[in-house]
Amino acid sequence: TLEDDETQTRLVLALPFNRAWASLNKALPEAGFAIDDKNRSEGVFYLTFIGPQEEDSGGWFDWMWGGEDAHPLANRQYLLKVASVEEERMVISLLGIDGGSVERRDQQALLTVLKGTIN
């Protein structure tokens, strides 16, 4: 599920860390992210959003951003942080590559796309 507060949107997975990590490892490329690096012990993925690939064109992104040109978030780098709230509940946060905040609309859009690829 997605959780919102006034400044941040987070993705909550009802999974233990090992399963959440494996699910994200598989889902991120499907959601249009390139995994540049990762640090499992810190629960961090270093990502570049490359956007939907050719076979995916004409879908959700076109509707959201209104066109088939390059998506406004393409080629931006992010940190994806996996944090344990409880043993079987992980909170996924999308941060800027420097660990700073990301515009809330961008968080919502990217985490919604990611949520759609997690099995």
N, C-alpha and C. Protein backbone atom coordinates (compact mmCIF):
# COMPACT_ATOMS: atom_id res chain seq x y z
N THR A 1 0.83 -1.19 0.00
CA THR A 1 0.00 0.00 0.00
C THR A 1 0.87 1.25 0.00
N LEU A 2 0.30 2.36 -0.46
CA LEU A 2 1.01 3.63 -0.41
C LEU A 2 0.53 4.39 0.83
N GLU A 3 1.46 4.99 1.54
CA GLU A 3 1.14 5.82 2.70
C GLU A 3 1.61 7.24 2.41
N ASP A 4 0.76 8.21 2.70
CA ASP A 4 1.08 9.61 2.48
C ASP A 4 1.07 10.36 3.79
N ASP A 5 2.01 11.29 3.95
CA ASP A 5 1.87 12.31 4.98
C ASP A 5 2.07 13.64 4.28
N GLU A 6 2.28 14.69 5.00
CA GLU A 6 2.35 16.01 4.35
C GLU A 6 3.57 16.20 3.47
N THR A 7 4.64 15.46 3.70
CA THR A 7 5.86 15.69 2.93
C THR A 7 6.33 14.50 2.13
N GLN A 8 5.87 13.30 2.46
CA GLN A 8 6.45 12.12 1.82
C GLN A 8 5.41 11.05 1.55
N THR A 9 5.62 10.34 0.46
CA THR A 9 4.84 9.16 0.12
C THR A 9 5.76 7.96 0.29
N ARG A 10 5.26 6.90 0.89
CA ARG A 10 6.05 5.70 1.08
C ARG A 10 5.24 4.49 0.62
N LEU A 11 5.95 3.46 0.23
CA LEU A 11 5.34 2.19 -0.14
C LEU A 11 5.54 1.24 1.03
N VAL A 12 4.47 0.61 1.48
CA VAL A 12 4.56 -0.33 2.60
C VAL A 12 4.31 -1.74 2.08
N LEU A 13 5.26 -2.64 2.36
CA LEU A 13 5.14 -4.03 1.97
C LEU A 13 4.99 -4.90 3.20
N ALA A 14 3.98 -5.74 3.20
CA ALA A 14 3.76 -6.66 4.31
C ALA A 14 4.59 -7.92 4.07
N LEU A 15 5.91 -7.75 4.11
CA LEU A 15 6.85 -8.85 3.85
C LEU A 15 8.04 -8.72 4.79
N PRO A 16 8.69 -9.84 5.12
CA PRO A 16 9.96 -9.74 5.84
C PRO A 16 11.02 -9.14 4.91
N PHE A 17 12.11 -8.64 5.48
CA PHE A 17 13.13 -7.95 4.70
C PHE A 17 13.62 -8.79 3.52
N ASN A 18 13.96 -10.06 3.73
CA ASN A 18 14.51 -10.88 2.65
C ASN A 18 13.58 -10.95 1.45
N ARG A 19 12.31 -11.13 1.69
CA ARG A 19 11.34 -11.22 0.59
C ARG A 19 11.11 -9.86 -0.05
N ALA A 20 11.07 -8.82 0.75
CA ALA A 20 10.88 -7.47 0.21
C ALA A 20 12.07 -7.11 -0.69
N TRP A 21 13.29 -7.41 -0.23
CA TRP A 21 14.49 -7.11 -1.01
C TRP A 21 14.47 -7.85 -2.35
N ALA A 22 14.15 -9.13 -2.30
CA ALA A 22 14.09 -9.94 -3.53
C ALA A 22 13.00 -9.43 -4.47
N SER A 23 11.86 -9.08 -3.93
CA SER A 23 10.76 -8.56 -4.75
C SER A 23 11.15 -7.25 -5.43
N LEU A 24 11.80 -6.36 -4.68
CA LEU A 24 12.22 -5.08 -5.25
C LEU A 24 13.30 -5.28 -6.31
N ASN A 25 14.21 -6.20 -6.06
CA ASN A 25 15.29 -6.49 -7.01
C ASN A 25 14.72 -6.89 -8.37
N LYS A 26 13.62 -7.61 -8.35
CA LYS A 26 12.96 -8.05 -9.58
C LYS A 26 12.05 -6.96 -10.15
N ALA A 27 11.33 -6.26 -9.29
CA ALA A 27 10.32 -5.29 -9.73
C ALA A 27 10.91 -3.99 -10.25
N LEU A 28 12.03 -3.55 -9.71
CA LEU A 28 12.59 -2.25 -10.11
C LEU A 28 12.86 -2.16 -11.62
N PRO A 29 13.56 -3.14 -12.23
CA PRO A 29 13.77 -3.07 -13.68
C PRO A 29 12.45 -3.09 -14.46
N GLU A 30 11.48 -3.86 -13.98
CA GLU A 30 10.18 -3.92 -14.65
C GLU A 30 9.45 -2.59 -14.58
N ALA A 31 9.75 -1.79 -13.55
CA ALA A 31 9.10 -0.49 -13.36
C ALA A 31 9.85 0.63 -14.07
N GLY A 32 10.92 0.29 -14.80
CA GLY A 32 11.64 1.31 -15.55
C GLY A 32 12.85 1.88 -14.84
N PHE A 33 13.33 1.20 -13.80
CA PHE A 33 14.51 1.65 -13.07
C PHE A 33 15.72 0.80 -13.45
N ALA A 34 16.87 1.44 -13.63
CA ALA A 34 18.13 0.71 -13.76
C ALA A 34 18.74 0.68 -12.36
N ILE A 35 19.14 -0.50 -11.90
CA ILE A 35 19.80 -0.62 -10.60
C ILE A 35 21.28 -0.39 -10.83
N ASP A 36 21.76 0.78 -10.38
CA ASP A 36 23.17 1.14 -10.57
C ASP A 36 24.06 0.47 -9.55
N ASP A 37 23.55 0.31 -8.34
CA ASP A 37 24.29 -0.33 -7.26
C ASP A 37 23.28 -0.64 -6.16
N LYS A 38 23.69 -1.44 -5.21
CA LYS A 38 22.82 -1.75 -4.07
C LYS A 38 23.68 -2.15 -2.89
N ASN A 39 23.16 -1.91 -1.70
CA ASN A 39 23.83 -2.27 -0.46
C ASN A 39 22.78 -2.92 0.43
N ARG A 40 22.76 -4.24 0.39
CA ARG A 40 21.72 -4.98 1.11
C ARG A 40 21.79 -4.75 2.61
N SER A 41 23.01 -4.68 3.17
CA SER A 41 23.13 -4.50 4.63
C SER A 41 22.58 -3.15 5.07
N GLU A 42 22.62 -2.15 4.19
CA GLU A 42 22.04 -0.84 4.52
C GLU A 42 20.61 -0.69 3.99
N GLY A 43 20.16 -1.67 3.21
CA GLY A 43 18.81 -1.63 2.67
C GLY A 43 18.62 -0.52 1.64
N VAL A 44 19.62 -0.31 0.77
CA VAL A 44 19.58 0.80 -0.18
C VAL A 44 19.83 0.31 -1.61
N PHE A 45 18.99 0.77 -2.53
CA PHE A 45 19.22 0.61 -3.96
C PHE A 45 19.59 1.98 -4.52
N TYR A 46 20.60 2.03 -5.39
CA TYR A 46 20.97 3.24 -6.12
C TYR A 46 20.42 3.08 -7.52
N LEU A 47 19.55 3.99 -7.93
CA LEU A 47 18.77 3.79 -9.15
C LEU A 47 18.87 4.96 -10.10
N THR A 48 18.66 4.65 -11.37
CA THR A 48 18.40 5.67 -12.38
C THR A 48 17.06 5.30 -13.02
N PHE A 49 16.15 6.25 -13.06
CA PHE A 49 14.87 5.99 -13.70
C PHE A 49 15.05 6.18 -15.19
N ILE A 50 14.84 5.11 -15.95
CA ILE A 50 15.00 5.20 -17.40
C ILE A 50 13.65 5.29 -18.10
N GLY A 51 12.58 5.06 -17.38
CA GLY A 51 11.25 5.17 -17.96
C GLY A 51 10.84 3.90 -18.66
N PRO A 52 9.61 3.88 -19.12
CA PRO A 52 9.10 2.69 -19.81
C PRO A 52 9.85 2.46 -21.11
N GLN A 53 10.03 1.21 -21.44
CA GLN A 53 10.72 0.87 -22.68
C GLN A 53 9.71 0.85 -23.83
N GLU A 54 10.21 0.72 -25.04
CA GLU A 54 9.37 0.87 -26.24
C GLU A 54 8.10 0.02 -26.21
N GLU A 55 8.23 -1.23 -25.78
CA GLU A 55 7.04 -2.09 -25.83
C GLU A 55 5.98 -1.66 -24.83
N ASP A 56 6.38 -0.80 -23.87
CA ASP A 56 5.43 -0.33 -22.86
C ASP A 56 4.80 1.00 -23.22
N SER A 57 5.16 1.60 -24.35
CA SER A 57 4.66 2.93 -24.65
C SER A 57 3.15 2.92 -24.84
N GLY A 58 2.57 4.07 -24.62
CA GLY A 58 1.12 4.19 -24.78
C GLY A 58 0.37 3.78 -23.54
N GLY A 59 1.03 3.69 -22.42
CA GLY A 59 0.36 3.23 -21.21
C GLY A 59 0.16 4.32 -20.18
N TRP A 60 0.31 3.92 -18.95
CA TRP A 60 0.02 4.76 -17.80
C TRP A 60 0.82 6.05 -17.81
N PHE A 61 2.10 5.98 -18.18
CA PHE A 61 2.93 7.19 -18.17
C PHE A 61 2.43 8.21 -19.17
N ASP A 62 2.04 7.76 -20.37
CA ASP A 62 1.54 8.70 -21.36
C ASP A 62 0.30 9.41 -20.85
N TRP A 63 -0.55 8.67 -20.19
CA TRP A 63 -1.75 9.27 -19.63
C TRP A 63 -1.39 10.28 -18.55
N MET A 64 -0.45 9.91 -17.68
CA MET A 64 -0.12 10.77 -16.55
C MET A 64 0.56 12.06 -16.99
N TRP A 65 1.50 11.97 -17.93
CA TRP A 65 2.26 13.15 -18.34
C TRP A 65 1.80 13.72 -19.67
N GLY A 66 0.81 13.08 -20.29
CA GLY A 66 0.19 13.65 -21.46
C GLY A 66 1.05 13.70 -22.70
N GLY A 67 1.69 12.61 -23.05
CA GLY A 67 2.45 12.63 -24.29
C GLY A 67 3.35 11.45 -24.42
N GLU A 68 3.97 11.35 -25.59
CA GLU A 68 4.86 10.22 -25.84
C GLU A 68 6.32 10.65 -25.90
N ASP A 69 6.60 11.92 -25.60
CA ASP A 69 7.98 12.38 -25.57
C ASP A 69 8.67 11.83 -24.34
N ALA A 70 9.95 12.16 -24.21
CA ALA A 70 10.71 11.68 -23.04
C ALA A 70 10.00 12.10 -21.76
N HIS A 71 9.93 11.19 -20.84
CA HIS A 71 9.25 11.45 -19.58
C HIS A 71 10.07 12.40 -18.71
N PRO A 72 9.39 13.28 -17.99
CA PRO A 72 10.11 14.30 -17.24
C PRO A 72 11.05 13.73 -16.18
N LEU A 73 10.84 12.51 -15.75
CA LEU A 73 11.68 11.93 -14.70
C LEU A 73 12.79 11.04 -15.26
N ALA A 74 12.81 10.85 -16.58
CA ALA A 74 13.81 9.97 -17.18
C ALA A 74 15.22 10.47 -16.91
N ASN A 75 16.10 9.52 -16.64
CA ASN A 75 17.53 9.76 -16.38
C ASN A 75 17.82 10.44 -15.04
N ARG A 76 16.84 10.52 -14.17
CA ARG A 76 17.09 11.05 -12.83
C ARG A 76 17.53 9.90 -11.92
N GLN A 77 18.41 10.23 -10.98
CA GLN A 77 18.93 9.22 -10.07
C GLN A 77 18.25 9.33 -8.70
N TYR A 78 18.08 8.18 -8.07
CA TYR A 78 17.38 8.10 -6.79
C TYR A 78 18.04 7.08 -5.88
N LEU A 79 17.73 7.21 -4.60
CA LEU A 79 18.01 6.17 -3.60
C LEU A 79 16.66 5.57 -3.23
N LEU A 80 16.59 4.27 -3.14
CA LEU A 80 15.40 3.61 -2.64
C LEU A 80 15.80 2.93 -1.34
N LYS A 81 15.18 3.33 -0.25
CA LYS A 81 15.55 2.84 1.09
C LYS A 81 14.50 1.86 1.57
N VAL A 82 14.95 0.69 2.02
CA VAL A 82 14.07 -0.33 2.58
C VAL A 82 14.31 -0.35 4.08
N ALA A 83 13.30 0.02 4.86
CA ALA A 83 13.44 0.06 6.31
C ALA A 83 12.40 -0.82 6.97
N SER A 84 12.82 -1.53 7.99
CA SER A 84 11.93 -2.42 8.72
C SER A 84 11.19 -1.64 9.80
N VAL A 85 9.86 -1.69 9.75
CA VAL A 85 9.04 -1.08 10.79
C VAL A 85 8.71 -2.14 11.82
N GLU A 86 8.38 -3.31 11.32
CA GLU A 86 8.12 -4.49 12.14
C GLU A 86 8.79 -5.64 11.39
N GLU A 87 8.81 -6.81 12.01
CA GLU A 87 9.49 -7.94 11.37
C GLU A 87 8.93 -8.26 9.99
N GLU A 88 7.64 -8.13 9.81
CA GLU A 88 7.00 -8.47 8.54
C GLU A 88 6.39 -7.25 7.87
N ARG A 89 6.98 -6.07 8.08
CA ARG A 89 6.44 -4.86 7.46
C ARG A 89 7.60 -3.92 7.12
N MET A 90 7.80 -3.72 5.82
CA MET A 90 8.88 -2.87 5.33
C MET A 90 8.29 -1.58 4.77
N VAL A 91 8.99 -0.49 5.01
CA VAL A 91 8.60 0.80 4.45
C VAL A 91 9.66 1.19 3.42
N ILE A 92 9.20 1.48 2.20
CA ILE A 92 10.08 1.80 1.08
C ILE A 92 9.98 3.31 0.83
N SER A 93 11.11 3.99 0.89
CA SER A 93 11.15 5.44 0.66
C SER A 93 11.99 5.74 -0.56
N LEU A 94 11.53 6.69 -1.37
CA LEU A 94 12.28 7.15 -2.53
C LEU A 94 12.89 8.50 -2.20
N LEU A 95 14.22 8.57 -2.29
CA LEU A 95 14.96 9.78 -1.94
C LEU A 95 15.79 10.24 -3.12
N GLY A 96 16.26 11.46 -3.06
CA GLY A 96 17.20 11.94 -4.06
C GLY A 96 18.50 11.17 -3.90
N ILE A 97 19.35 11.19 -4.92
CA ILE A 97 20.60 10.43 -4.90
C ILE A 97 21.49 10.87 -3.74
N ASP A 98 21.32 12.10 -3.27
CA ASP A 98 22.10 12.60 -2.13
C ASP A 98 21.42 12.32 -0.80
N GLY A 99 20.29 11.60 -0.83
CA GLY A 99 19.55 11.29 0.39
C GLY A 99 18.52 12.36 0.75
N GLY A 100 18.45 13.40 -0.07
CA GLY A 100 17.48 14.47 0.18
C GLY A 100 16.10 14.10 -0.32
N SER A 101 15.16 15.01 -0.13
CA SER A 101 13.78 14.72 -0.50
C SER A 101 13.56 14.85 -2.00
N VAL A 102 12.51 14.19 -2.45
CA VAL A 102 12.08 14.20 -3.85
C VAL A 102 10.70 14.84 -3.86
N GLU A 103 10.39 15.58 -4.90
CA GLU A 103 9.07 16.20 -5.01
C GLU A 103 7.98 15.15 -4.82
N ARG A 104 6.98 15.50 -4.03
CA ARG A 104 5.96 14.52 -3.64
C ARG A 104 5.23 13.92 -4.84
N ARG A 105 4.92 14.72 -5.83
CA ARG A 105 4.24 14.20 -7.02
C ARG A 105 5.09 13.14 -7.70
N ASP A 106 6.41 13.37 -7.76
CA ASP A 106 7.31 12.40 -8.37
C ASP A 106 7.38 11.12 -7.54
N GLN A 107 7.43 11.26 -6.22
CA GLN A 107 7.41 10.08 -5.34
C GLN A 107 6.16 9.25 -5.60
N GLN A 108 5.02 9.91 -5.60
CA GLN A 108 3.75 9.21 -5.80
C GLN A 108 3.73 8.48 -7.13
N ALA A 109 4.15 9.16 -8.18
CA ALA A 109 4.13 8.56 -9.52
C ALA A 109 5.05 7.35 -9.60
N LEU A 110 6.30 7.51 -9.15
CA LEU A 110 7.27 6.43 -9.28
C LEU A 110 6.95 5.26 -8.36
N LEU A 111 6.51 5.54 -7.14
CA LEU A 111 6.17 4.44 -6.22
C LEU A 111 4.91 3.72 -6.67
N THR A 112 3.99 4.43 -7.30
CA THR A 112 2.78 3.77 -7.83
C THR A 112 3.16 2.81 -8.96
N VAL A 113 4.05 3.25 -9.83
CA VAL A 113 4.51 2.38 -10.91
C VAL A 113 5.23 1.17 -10.33
N LEU A 114 6.10 1.39 -9.35
CA LEU A 114 6.82 0.29 -8.71
C LEU A 114 5.85 -0.68 -8.04
N LYS A 115 4.87 -0.14 -7.34
CA LYS A 115 3.88 -0.98 -6.65
C LYS A 115 3.19 -1.92 -7.64
N GLY A 116 2.93 -1.42 -8.85
CA GLY A 116 2.26 -2.22 -9.87
C GLY A 116 3.08 -3.37 -10.39
N THR A 117 4.39 -3.37 -10.15
CA THR A 117 5.26 -4.45 -10.66
C THR A 117 5.67 -5.45 -9.57
N ILE A 118 5.31 -5.18 -8.32
CA ILE A 118 5.71 -6.09 -7.24
C ILE A 118 4.70 -7.22 -7.14
N ASN A 119 5.23 -8.45 -7.15
CA ASN A 119 4.36 -9.64 -7.05
C ASN A 119 4.31 -10.12 -5.63
